[in-house]
Amino acid sequence: MNYKITAFVHIKDHRIYLNNRLVFSKERSLPLQEFLKRAYKAQEISWPKFHKMDSLSKMGILATELLFSNRKIPEDTALVFSNSSSSLGTDEVHQNSMNQVVSPSVFVYTLPNIVMGEVCIKNKIYGENSFFITEKFNPGLIWEYSQSLLDSLAASAIVCGWIEWKNAEYDVFLCLVTREGSQTFSAENLEALYYFENE
């Protein structure tokens, strides 16, 4: 079946791009949490739980809100994410808190796939979720796994890509894949779109 990259989002260096169009930016000197809060307000998202999430989940919500805007997202949409550091950013916060009273609100985010759970809860998505840990963005792996879900009819749409947060550095590239769009869903196109903003 012929699937397309319907939309794609980059979040990096305090800039957010939707389909290579800059939709939000702030000066890089702004602390990450403040940048994420301002981006949330700018998108006019109404999800109070956002403020309690870790940074990885906040970025996942911001990216998917842009991907899903003005679209009906099927309940069986699958999420296929990857990064190189798992949930290390939150793990370190949790580790540092162990000398005091451990916060359950931090501990709950010490798994990388929690970001996918947050996206699914907010959007009432019940499809499959897979989170791969790889040294760098691997478009071949993402495409092959996503394509197998589509071909087997396990999902009618996919959100896939790279979502990384480590040591205050972050890099998000997520795509919505459906049957609509002008760009073929392929490993080559995923790679080209990712590196366009990361060169």
N, C-alpha and C. Protein backbone atom coordinates (compact mmCIF):
# COMPACT_ATOMS: atom_id res chain seq x y z
N MET A 1 0.84 -1.19 0.00
CA MET A 1 0.00 0.00 0.00
C MET A 1 0.88 1.24 0.00
N ASN A 2 0.39 2.28 -0.63
CA ASN A 2 1.18 3.49 -0.81
C ASN A 2 0.89 4.51 0.29
N TYR A 3 1.82 4.65 1.23
CA TYR A 3 1.64 5.61 2.31
C TYR A 3 2.52 6.83 2.12
N LYS A 4 2.08 7.94 2.68
CA LYS A 4 2.76 9.23 2.49
C LYS A 4 3.16 9.85 3.82
N ILE A 5 4.17 10.69 3.77
CA ILE A 5 4.51 11.53 4.92
C ILE A 5 3.57 12.72 4.84
N THR A 6 2.58 12.72 5.69
CA THR A 6 1.51 13.73 5.65
C THR A 6 1.97 15.05 6.24
N ALA A 7 2.74 14.97 7.33
CA ALA A 7 3.25 16.17 8.01
C ALA A 7 4.46 15.76 8.84
N PHE A 8 5.33 16.73 9.12
CA PHE A 8 6.49 16.43 9.96
C PHE A 8 6.87 17.67 10.76
N VAL A 9 7.41 17.41 11.95
CA VAL A 9 7.76 18.47 12.90
C VAL A 9 9.20 18.30 13.35
N HIS A 10 9.91 19.43 13.45
CA HIS A 10 11.23 19.48 14.08
C HIS A 10 11.15 20.41 15.29
N ILE A 11 11.75 19.99 16.40
CA ILE A 11 11.93 20.88 17.56
C ILE A 11 13.39 20.79 17.96
N LYS A 12 14.09 21.91 17.84
CA LYS A 12 15.52 21.94 18.16
C LYS A 12 15.97 23.39 18.28
N ASP A 13 16.93 23.63 19.17
CA ASP A 13 17.52 24.97 19.32
C ASP A 13 16.47 26.06 19.56
N HIS A 14 15.45 25.73 20.34
CA HIS A 14 14.37 26.69 20.68
C HIS A 14 13.61 27.16 19.44
N ARG A 15 13.52 26.28 18.46
CA ARG A 15 12.74 26.57 17.25
C ARG A 15 11.84 25.38 16.96
N ILE A 16 10.64 25.65 16.48
CA ILE A 16 9.72 24.59 16.09
C ILE A 16 9.32 24.81 14.63
N TYR A 17 9.51 23.78 13.84
CA TYR A 17 9.16 23.82 12.42
C TYR A 17 8.06 22.80 12.15
N LEU A 18 7.08 23.20 11.36
CA LEU A 18 6.07 22.29 10.84
C LEU A 18 6.22 22.28 9.33
N ASN A 19 6.54 21.11 8.77
CA ASN A 19 6.75 20.98 7.32
C ASN A 19 7.76 22.02 6.81
N ASN A 20 8.86 22.16 7.57
CA ASN A 20 9.97 23.09 7.24
C ASN A 20 9.58 24.56 7.33
N ARG A 21 8.42 24.86 7.90
CA ARG A 21 8.00 26.25 8.10
C ARG A 21 8.13 26.59 9.58
N LEU A 22 8.88 27.63 9.90
CA LEU A 22 9.08 28.03 11.28
C LEU A 22 7.75 28.52 11.86
N VAL A 23 7.30 27.88 12.96
CA VAL A 23 6.03 28.26 13.57
C VAL A 23 6.20 28.84 14.97
N PHE A 24 7.40 28.66 15.55
CA PHE A 24 7.64 29.21 16.89
C PHE A 24 9.14 29.23 17.16
N SER A 25 9.61 30.32 17.77
CA SER A 25 11.02 30.38 18.14
C SER A 25 11.22 31.35 19.30
N LYS A 26 12.24 31.07 20.10
CA LYS A 26 12.64 31.92 21.20
C LYS A 26 14.16 31.93 21.26
N GLU A 27 14.70 32.93 21.96
CA GLU A 27 16.16 33.01 22.08
C GLU A 27 16.69 31.79 22.83
N ARG A 28 17.87 31.32 22.41
CA ARG A 28 18.44 30.09 22.97
C ARG A 28 18.85 30.23 24.43
N SER A 29 18.98 31.47 24.91
CA SER A 29 19.36 31.68 26.31
C SER A 29 18.21 31.34 27.27
N LEU A 30 17.01 31.21 26.76
CA LEU A 30 15.84 30.90 27.59
C LEU A 30 15.97 29.47 28.13
N PRO A 31 15.74 29.25 29.42
CA PRO A 31 15.78 27.88 29.95
C PRO A 31 14.79 26.98 29.21
N LEU A 32 15.14 25.72 29.07
CA LEU A 32 14.31 24.79 28.31
C LEU A 32 12.87 24.75 28.82
N GLN A 33 12.69 24.68 30.14
CA GLN A 33 11.33 24.59 30.67
C GLN A 33 10.49 25.81 30.32
N GLU A 34 11.12 26.96 30.30
CA GLU A 34 10.41 28.19 29.93
C GLU A 34 10.06 28.18 28.45
N PHE A 35 10.98 27.70 27.63
CA PHE A 35 10.70 27.59 26.19
C PHE A 35 9.51 26.66 25.95
N LEU A 36 9.50 25.51 26.61
CA LEU A 36 8.40 24.55 26.43
C LEU A 36 7.08 25.13 26.92
N LYS A 37 7.10 25.87 28.02
CA LYS A 37 5.89 26.49 28.54
C LYS A 37 5.35 27.53 27.55
N ARG A 38 6.24 28.35 27.01
CA ARG A 38 5.79 29.37 26.05
C ARG A 38 5.28 28.75 24.75
N ALA A 39 5.91 27.67 24.32
CA ALA A 39 5.44 26.98 23.11
C ALA A 39 4.05 26.39 23.34
N TYR A 40 3.84 25.83 24.52
CA TYR A 40 2.53 25.28 24.90
C TYR A 40 1.46 26.38 24.85
N LYS A 41 1.77 27.54 25.42
CA LYS A 41 0.80 28.64 25.41
C LYS A 41 0.55 29.15 24.00
N ALA A 42 1.60 29.23 23.20
CA ALA A 42 1.47 29.74 21.83
C ALA A 42 0.58 28.83 20.99
N GLN A 43 0.63 27.52 21.25
CA GLN A 43 -0.22 26.58 20.49
C GLN A 43 -1.63 26.51 21.06
N GLU A 44 -1.86 27.20 22.18
CA GLU A 44 -3.18 27.22 22.82
C GLU A 44 -3.68 25.81 23.13
N ILE A 45 -2.77 24.98 23.64
CA ILE A 45 -3.12 23.62 24.05
C ILE A 45 -3.82 23.70 25.39
N SER A 46 -4.85 22.91 25.54
CA SER A 46 -5.55 22.83 26.83
C SER A 46 -5.37 21.43 27.39
N TRP A 47 -4.34 21.26 28.19
CA TRP A 47 -4.02 19.96 28.78
C TRP A 47 -3.24 20.20 30.06
N PRO A 48 -3.93 20.47 31.17
CA PRO A 48 -3.25 20.86 32.42
C PRO A 48 -2.15 19.91 32.86
N LYS A 49 -2.28 18.64 32.52
CA LYS A 49 -1.27 17.64 32.90
C LYS A 49 0.11 17.96 32.29
N PHE A 50 0.12 18.75 31.23
CA PHE A 50 1.36 19.10 30.53
C PHE A 50 2.41 19.62 31.51
N HIS A 51 1.99 20.45 32.44
CA HIS A 51 2.94 21.12 33.33
C HIS A 51 3.61 20.18 34.32
N LYS A 52 3.06 18.98 34.50
CA LYS A 52 3.65 18.00 35.43
C LYS A 52 4.54 16.99 34.71
N MET A 53 4.58 17.04 33.39
CA MET A 53 5.34 16.06 32.62
C MET A 53 6.83 16.36 32.62
N ASP A 54 7.61 15.34 32.26
CA ASP A 54 9.04 15.57 32.04
C ASP A 54 9.21 16.22 30.67
N SER A 55 10.42 16.67 30.38
CA SER A 55 10.66 17.41 29.13
C SER A 55 10.42 16.56 27.89
N LEU A 56 10.77 15.27 27.94
CA LEU A 56 10.57 14.39 26.79
C LEU A 56 9.08 14.31 26.44
N SER A 57 8.25 14.15 27.44
CA SER A 57 6.81 14.07 27.20
C SER A 57 6.24 15.41 26.73
N LYS A 58 6.73 16.49 27.28
CA LYS A 58 6.27 17.81 26.83
C LYS A 58 6.58 18.01 25.34
N MET A 59 7.77 17.61 24.94
CA MET A 59 8.13 17.76 23.53
C MET A 59 7.29 16.86 22.64
N GLY A 60 6.98 15.66 23.13
CA GLY A 60 6.11 14.76 22.36
C GLY A 60 4.72 15.33 22.19
N ILE A 61 4.18 15.93 23.24
CA ILE A 61 2.86 16.55 23.15
C ILE A 61 2.88 17.74 22.19
N LEU A 62 3.89 18.60 22.32
CA LEU A 62 3.99 19.77 21.43
C LEU A 62 4.06 19.34 19.97
N ALA A 63 4.91 18.35 19.69
CA ALA A 63 5.10 17.91 18.30
C ALA A 63 3.83 17.28 17.74
N THR A 64 3.20 16.40 18.50
CA THR A 64 2.01 15.73 17.97
C THR A 64 0.81 16.66 17.86
N GLU A 65 0.72 17.66 18.73
CA GLU A 65 -0.37 18.63 18.59
C GLU A 65 -0.28 19.33 17.23
N LEU A 66 0.93 19.64 16.80
CA LEU A 66 1.10 20.26 15.48
C LEU A 66 0.78 19.27 14.37
N LEU A 67 1.25 18.03 14.51
CA LEU A 67 0.98 17.01 13.49
C LEU A 67 -0.51 16.74 13.35
N PHE A 68 -1.22 16.75 14.47
CA PHE A 68 -2.63 16.36 14.48
C PHE A 68 -3.58 17.53 14.21
N SER A 69 -3.08 18.75 14.17
CA SER A 69 -3.98 19.91 14.07
C SER A 69 -4.84 19.83 12.82
N ASN A 70 -6.14 20.05 13.03
CA ASN A 70 -7.13 20.04 11.94
C ASN A 70 -7.21 18.69 11.22
N ARG A 71 -6.88 17.60 11.93
CA ARG A 71 -6.96 16.27 11.34
C ARG A 71 -7.69 15.32 12.29
N LYS A 72 -8.41 14.39 11.73
CA LYS A 72 -9.01 13.31 12.53
C LYS A 72 -8.00 12.17 12.55
N ILE A 73 -7.53 11.83 13.73
CA ILE A 73 -6.51 10.80 13.87
C ILE A 73 -7.17 9.47 14.22
N PRO A 74 -6.94 8.41 13.42
CA PRO A 74 -7.57 7.12 13.70
C PRO A 74 -7.17 6.56 15.07
N GLU A 75 -8.08 5.86 15.71
CA GLU A 75 -7.80 5.26 17.02
C GLU A 75 -6.68 4.23 16.95
N ASP A 76 -6.51 3.59 15.80
CA ASP A 76 -5.49 2.54 15.69
C ASP A 76 -4.14 3.08 15.22
N THR A 77 -3.94 4.40 15.28
CA THR A 77 -2.64 4.98 14.93
C THR A 77 -1.56 4.37 15.82
N ALA A 78 -0.45 3.99 15.21
CA ALA A 78 0.68 3.43 15.96
C ALA A 78 1.74 4.49 16.16
N LEU A 79 2.49 4.38 17.25
CA LEU A 79 3.61 5.29 17.53
C LEU A 79 4.90 4.49 17.52
N VAL A 80 5.87 4.95 16.73
CA VAL A 80 7.17 4.29 16.62
C VAL A 80 8.24 5.35 16.82
N PHE A 81 8.76 5.43 18.03
CA PHE A 81 9.73 6.47 18.40
C PHE A 81 11.10 5.85 18.64
N SER A 82 12.11 6.71 18.67
CA SER A 82 13.46 6.25 18.99
C SER A 82 14.28 7.40 19.55
N ASN A 83 15.33 7.04 20.27
CA ASN A 83 16.35 8.00 20.69
C ASN A 83 17.59 7.23 21.13
N SER A 84 18.59 7.93 21.61
CA SER A 84 19.83 7.26 22.00
C SER A 84 20.03 7.19 23.51
N SER A 85 19.25 7.95 24.26
CA SER A 85 19.53 8.05 25.70
C SER A 85 18.38 7.56 26.57
N SER A 86 17.36 6.93 25.96
CA SER A 86 16.22 6.43 26.71
C SER A 86 15.60 7.59 27.50
N SER A 87 15.46 7.44 28.82
CA SER A 87 14.88 8.50 29.65
C SER A 87 15.94 9.08 30.58
N LEU A 88 17.18 9.15 30.11
CA LEU A 88 18.30 9.53 30.96
C LEU A 88 18.10 10.88 31.65
N GLY A 89 17.52 11.85 30.96
CA GLY A 89 17.31 13.16 31.57
C GLY A 89 16.48 13.07 32.83
N THR A 90 15.38 12.31 32.77
CA THR A 90 14.54 12.14 33.95
C THR A 90 15.19 11.20 34.96
N ASP A 91 15.91 10.19 34.48
CA ASP A 91 16.60 9.26 35.39
C ASP A 91 17.56 10.01 36.30
N GLU A 92 18.26 10.98 35.73
CA GLU A 92 19.22 11.75 36.53
C GLU A 92 18.51 12.60 37.58
N VAL A 93 17.38 13.20 37.22
CA VAL A 93 16.60 13.97 38.19
C VAL A 93 16.13 13.04 39.31
N HIS A 94 15.65 11.87 38.94
CA HIS A 94 15.19 10.89 39.93
C HIS A 94 16.35 10.45 40.84
N GLN A 95 17.50 10.17 40.26
CA GLN A 95 18.67 9.74 41.04
C GLN A 95 19.07 10.82 42.05
N ASN A 96 19.07 12.06 41.59
CA ASN A 96 19.47 13.16 42.48
C ASN A 96 18.47 13.38 43.61
N SER A 97 17.24 12.95 43.41
CA SER A 97 16.22 13.16 44.44
C SER A 97 16.21 12.04 45.48
N MET A 98 17.00 11.01 45.27
CA MET A 98 16.92 9.84 46.16
C MET A 98 17.50 10.09 47.54
N ASN A 99 18.23 11.20 47.70
CA ASN A 99 18.72 11.57 49.03
C ASN A 99 17.63 12.24 49.86
N GLN A 100 16.53 12.57 49.21
CA GLN A 100 15.41 13.23 49.89
C GLN A 100 14.19 12.33 49.75
N VAL A 101 13.03 12.93 49.78
CA VAL A 101 11.80 12.17 49.55
C VAL A 101 11.64 11.99 48.05
N VAL A 102 11.57 10.75 47.60
CA VAL A 102 11.47 10.46 46.17
C VAL A 102 10.09 10.87 45.66
N SER A 103 10.09 11.59 44.55
CA SER A 103 8.83 12.09 44.00
C SER A 103 8.23 11.09 43.01
N PRO A 104 7.04 10.58 43.29
CA PRO A 104 6.38 9.69 42.32
C PRO A 104 6.14 10.37 40.98
N SER A 105 5.95 11.69 40.99
CA SER A 105 5.69 12.42 39.75
C SER A 105 6.92 12.46 38.85
N VAL A 106 8.11 12.26 39.41
CA VAL A 106 9.33 12.15 38.61
C VAL A 106 9.55 10.70 38.21
N PHE A 107 9.39 9.80 39.18
CA PHE A 107 9.65 8.38 38.94
C PHE A 107 8.84 7.83 37.78
N VAL A 108 7.61 8.27 37.63
CA VAL A 108 6.73 7.73 36.59
C VAL A 108 7.29 7.97 35.19
N TYR A 109 8.18 8.95 35.03
CA TYR A 109 8.73 9.26 33.72
C TYR A 109 10.10 8.61 33.46
N THR A 110 10.49 7.65 34.31
CA THR A 110 11.79 7.02 34.13
C THR A 110 11.73 5.84 33.17
N LEU A 111 10.88 5.93 32.19
CA LEU A 111 10.83 5.01 31.05
C LEU A 111 10.59 5.87 29.82
N PRO A 112 11.31 5.60 28.72
CA PRO A 112 11.16 6.48 27.55
C PRO A 112 9.80 6.39 26.89
N ASN A 113 9.14 5.22 27.01
CA ASN A 113 7.85 5.07 26.31
C ASN A 113 6.70 5.80 26.99
N ILE A 114 6.93 6.43 28.14
CA ILE A 114 5.87 7.19 28.80
C ILE A 114 5.40 8.34 27.90
N VAL A 115 6.30 8.91 27.11
CA VAL A 115 5.90 9.98 26.20
C VAL A 115 4.80 9.49 25.25
N MET A 116 4.93 8.25 24.79
CA MET A 116 3.92 7.71 23.88
C MET A 116 2.59 7.52 24.61
N GLY A 117 2.67 7.08 25.86
CA GLY A 117 1.45 6.94 26.65
C GLY A 117 0.73 8.27 26.83
N GLU A 118 1.50 9.32 27.08
CA GLU A 118 0.89 10.66 27.25
C GLU A 118 0.20 11.11 25.96
N VAL A 119 0.85 10.88 24.82
CA VAL A 119 0.26 11.26 23.53
C VAL A 119 -1.02 10.46 23.29
N CYS A 120 -0.98 9.17 23.58
CA CYS A 120 -2.15 8.32 23.36
C CYS A 120 -3.31 8.70 24.27
N ILE A 121 -3.02 8.96 25.53
CA ILE A 121 -4.09 9.35 26.46
C ILE A 121 -4.76 10.63 26.01
N LYS A 122 -3.95 11.62 25.64
CA LYS A 122 -4.51 12.91 25.25
C LYS A 122 -5.37 12.80 24.00
N ASN A 123 -4.95 11.94 23.06
CA ASN A 123 -5.63 11.88 21.76
C ASN A 123 -6.50 10.65 21.57
N LYS A 124 -6.70 9.87 22.65
CA LYS A 124 -7.55 8.67 22.57
C LYS A 124 -7.09 7.74 21.44
N ILE A 125 -5.79 7.46 21.45
CA ILE A 125 -5.18 6.56 20.48
C ILE A 125 -4.94 5.21 21.17
N TYR A 126 -5.27 4.12 20.48
CA TYR A 126 -5.15 2.78 21.08
C TYR A 126 -4.25 1.86 20.27
N GLY A 127 -3.48 2.42 19.34
CA GLY A 127 -2.63 1.59 18.48
C GLY A 127 -1.37 1.12 19.18
N GLU A 128 -0.56 0.37 18.45
CA GLU A 128 0.68 -0.17 18.99
C GLU A 128 1.70 0.93 19.26
N ASN A 129 2.57 0.66 20.22
CA ASN A 129 3.65 1.59 20.56
C ASN A 129 4.97 0.84 20.62
N SER A 130 6.00 1.38 20.02
CA SER A 130 7.34 0.80 20.10
C SER A 130 8.34 1.93 20.25
N PHE A 131 9.29 1.75 21.16
CA PHE A 131 10.33 2.76 21.37
C PHE A 131 11.69 2.07 21.24
N PHE A 132 12.47 2.49 20.24
CA PHE A 132 13.77 1.88 19.98
C PHE A 132 14.89 2.78 20.50
N ILE A 133 15.89 2.18 21.12
CA ILE A 133 17.07 2.90 21.56
C ILE A 133 18.19 2.58 20.58
N THR A 134 18.63 3.58 19.84
CA THR A 134 19.70 3.41 18.85
C THR A 134 20.73 4.51 19.02
N GLU A 135 21.93 4.27 18.55
CA GLU A 135 23.01 5.24 18.74
C GLU A 135 22.71 6.57 18.09
N LYS A 136 22.07 6.54 16.93
CA LYS A 136 21.67 7.75 16.22
C LYS A 136 20.38 7.46 15.46
N PHE A 137 19.81 8.49 14.86
CA PHE A 137 18.58 8.31 14.11
C PHE A 137 18.79 7.27 13.02
N ASN A 138 17.93 6.26 13.01
CA ASN A 138 18.05 5.15 12.07
C ASN A 138 16.79 5.09 11.22
N PRO A 139 16.76 5.81 10.12
CA PRO A 139 15.53 5.87 9.32
C PRO A 139 15.12 4.52 8.74
N GLY A 140 16.10 3.65 8.45
CA GLY A 140 15.78 2.33 7.91
C GLY A 140 14.98 1.50 8.90
N LEU A 141 15.39 1.51 10.15
CA LEU A 141 14.69 0.77 11.20
C LEU A 141 13.29 1.33 11.40
N ILE A 142 13.19 2.64 11.50
CA ILE A 142 11.88 3.29 11.71
C ILE A 142 10.94 2.98 10.56
N TRP A 143 11.43 3.11 9.33
CA TRP A 143 10.58 2.84 8.16
C TRP A 143 10.16 1.39 8.12
N GLU A 144 11.12 0.48 8.28
CA GLU A 144 10.81 -0.95 8.15
C GLU A 144 9.77 -1.40 9.18
N TYR A 145 9.94 -0.98 10.42
CA TYR A 145 9.00 -1.39 11.46
C TYR A 145 7.62 -0.75 11.23
N SER A 146 7.62 0.54 10.90
CA SER A 146 6.35 1.24 10.64
C SER A 146 5.64 0.64 9.44
N GLN A 147 6.38 0.37 8.38
CA GLN A 147 5.78 -0.19 7.17
C GLN A 147 5.17 -1.56 7.43
N SER A 148 5.83 -2.34 8.29
CA SER A 148 5.28 -3.68 8.60
C SER A 148 3.95 -3.55 9.33
N LEU A 149 3.81 -2.56 10.20
CA LEU A 149 2.53 -2.34 10.89
C LEU A 149 1.45 -1.92 9.90
N LEU A 150 1.80 -1.07 8.96
CA LEU A 150 0.84 -0.62 7.96
C LEU A 150 0.44 -1.76 7.03
N ASP A 151 1.44 -2.52 6.56
CA ASP A 151 1.17 -3.62 5.63
C ASP A 151 0.32 -4.72 6.25
N SER A 152 0.51 -4.95 7.54
CA SER A 152 -0.24 -6.01 8.23
C SER A 152 -1.62 -5.53 8.71
N LEU A 153 -1.91 -4.26 8.43
CA LEU A 153 -3.17 -3.63 8.84
C LEU A 153 -3.31 -3.52 10.36
N ALA A 154 -2.17 -3.58 11.06
CA ALA A 154 -2.18 -3.37 12.51
C ALA A 154 -2.39 -1.90 12.84
N ALA A 155 -2.14 -1.03 11.86
CA ALA A 155 -2.34 0.41 12.03
C ALA A 155 -2.73 1.01 10.71
N SER A 156 -3.57 2.05 10.74
CA SER A 156 -3.93 2.75 9.51
C SER A 156 -3.19 4.08 9.39
N ALA A 157 -2.45 4.44 10.44
CA ALA A 157 -1.61 5.65 10.41
C ALA A 157 -0.48 5.43 11.42
N ILE A 158 0.59 6.18 11.24
CA ILE A 158 1.78 6.04 12.10
C ILE A 158 2.27 7.43 12.48
N VAL A 159 2.73 7.58 13.71
CA VAL A 159 3.56 8.72 14.09
C VAL A 159 4.92 8.12 14.41
N CYS A 160 5.95 8.55 13.70
CA CYS A 160 7.26 7.93 13.90
C CYS A 160 8.37 8.96 13.84
N GLY A 161 9.52 8.58 14.40
CA GLY A 161 10.69 9.45 14.31
C GLY A 161 11.58 9.39 15.53
N TRP A 162 12.23 10.50 15.79
CA TRP A 162 13.31 10.63 16.78
C TRP A 162 12.91 11.67 17.82
N ILE A 163 13.07 11.33 19.10
CA ILE A 163 12.74 12.28 20.16
C ILE A 163 13.76 12.13 21.28
N GLU A 164 14.70 13.04 21.31
CA GLU A 164 15.87 12.95 22.19
C GLU A 164 15.94 14.13 23.15
N TRP A 165 16.31 13.84 24.40
CA TRP A 165 16.54 14.89 25.40
C TRP A 165 17.60 14.38 26.36
N LYS A 166 18.74 15.08 26.40
CA LYS A 166 19.84 14.65 27.25
C LYS A 166 20.73 15.85 27.55
N ASN A 167 21.01 16.06 28.85
CA ASN A 167 21.92 17.14 29.26
C ASN A 167 21.51 18.50 28.69
N ALA A 168 20.23 18.79 28.76
CA ALA A 168 19.66 20.06 28.28
C ALA A 168 19.68 20.19 26.76
N GLU A 169 20.20 19.19 26.06
CA GLU A 169 20.15 19.17 24.60
C GLU A 169 18.95 18.34 24.17
N TYR A 170 18.31 18.77 23.12
CA TYR A 170 17.12 18.04 22.65
C TYR A 170 17.03 18.11 21.14
N ASP A 171 16.38 17.12 20.57
CA ASP A 171 16.26 17.02 19.12
C ASP A 171 15.04 16.17 18.82
N VAL A 172 14.02 16.79 18.25
CA VAL A 172 12.77 16.08 17.96
C VAL A 172 12.48 16.16 16.46
N PHE A 173 12.19 15.00 15.89
CA PHE A 173 11.76 14.91 14.50
C PHE A 173 10.69 13.83 14.43
N LEU A 174 9.44 14.24 14.30
CA LEU A 174 8.34 13.29 14.22
C LEU A 174 7.53 13.51 12.96
N CYS A 175 7.09 12.41 12.36
CA CYS A 175 6.29 12.44 11.13
C CYS A 175 4.95 11.77 11.35
N LEU A 176 3.94 12.29 10.71
CA LEU A 176 2.65 11.63 10.62
C LEU A 176 2.56 10.96 9.26
N VAL A 177 2.29 9.67 9.26
CA VAL A 177 2.22 8.89 8.01
C VAL A 177 0.79 8.39 7.82
N THR A 178 0.19 8.77 6.68
CA THR A 178 -1.16 8.32 6.33
C THR A 178 -1.16 8.07 4.81
N ARG A 179 -2.32 7.98 4.22
CA ARG A 179 -2.40 7.84 2.76
C ARG A 179 -2.49 9.19 2.06
N GLU A 180 -2.43 10.27 2.83
CA GLU A 180 -2.53 11.60 2.25
C GLU A 180 -1.18 12.30 2.26
N GLY A 181 -0.91 13.03 1.19
CA GLY A 181 0.34 13.79 1.12
C GLY A 181 1.02 13.61 -0.21
N SER A 182 2.07 14.38 -0.43
CA SER A 182 2.77 14.33 -1.71
C SER A 182 4.11 13.61 -1.64
N GLN A 183 4.57 13.32 -0.42
CA GLN A 183 5.89 12.74 -0.25
C GLN A 183 5.79 11.27 0.17
N THR A 184 6.36 10.38 -0.60
CA THR A 184 6.31 8.95 -0.30
C THR A 184 6.96 8.64 1.04
N PHE A 185 6.35 7.76 1.80
CA PHE A 185 6.93 7.30 3.06
C PHE A 185 8.02 6.29 2.74
N SER A 186 9.26 6.69 2.94
CA SER A 186 10.42 5.82 2.67
C SER A 186 11.54 6.16 3.63
N ALA A 187 12.48 5.24 3.79
CA ALA A 187 13.64 5.50 4.65
C ALA A 187 14.44 6.67 4.11
N GLU A 188 14.56 6.75 2.78
CA GLU A 188 15.32 7.82 2.16
C GLU A 188 14.71 9.19 2.43
N ASN A 189 13.38 9.27 2.36
CA ASN A 189 12.73 10.55 2.62
C ASN A 189 12.77 10.92 4.10
N LEU A 190 12.66 9.93 4.98
CA LEU A 190 12.81 10.21 6.41
C LEU A 190 14.20 10.78 6.69
N GLU A 191 15.21 10.16 6.10
CA GLU A 191 16.58 10.63 6.32
C GLU A 191 16.78 12.04 5.78
N ALA A 192 16.26 12.30 4.59
CA ALA A 192 16.43 13.62 3.98
C ALA A 192 15.74 14.70 4.81
N LEU A 193 14.55 14.42 5.31
CA LEU A 193 13.82 15.40 6.11
C LEU A 193 14.49 15.64 7.46
N TYR A 194 14.99 14.58 8.07
CA TYR A 194 15.67 14.73 9.36
C TYR A 194 16.94 15.56 9.22
N TYR A 195 17.76 15.22 8.25
CA TYR A 195 19.04 15.90 8.14
C TYR A 195 18.95 17.29 7.53
N PHE A 196 17.82 17.61 6.88
CA PHE A 196 17.64 18.95 6.36
C PHE A 196 17.77 19.99 7.47
N GLU A 197 17.20 19.68 8.64
CA GLU A 197 17.24 20.62 9.76
C GLU A 197 18.41 20.35 10.70
N ASN A 198 19.11 19.22 10.51
CA ASN A 198 20.16 18.85 11.45
C ASN A 198 21.56 18.91 10.84
N GLU A 199 21.70 19.59 9.74
CA GLU A 199 23.04 19.75 9.14
C GLU A 199 23.77 20.91 9.76
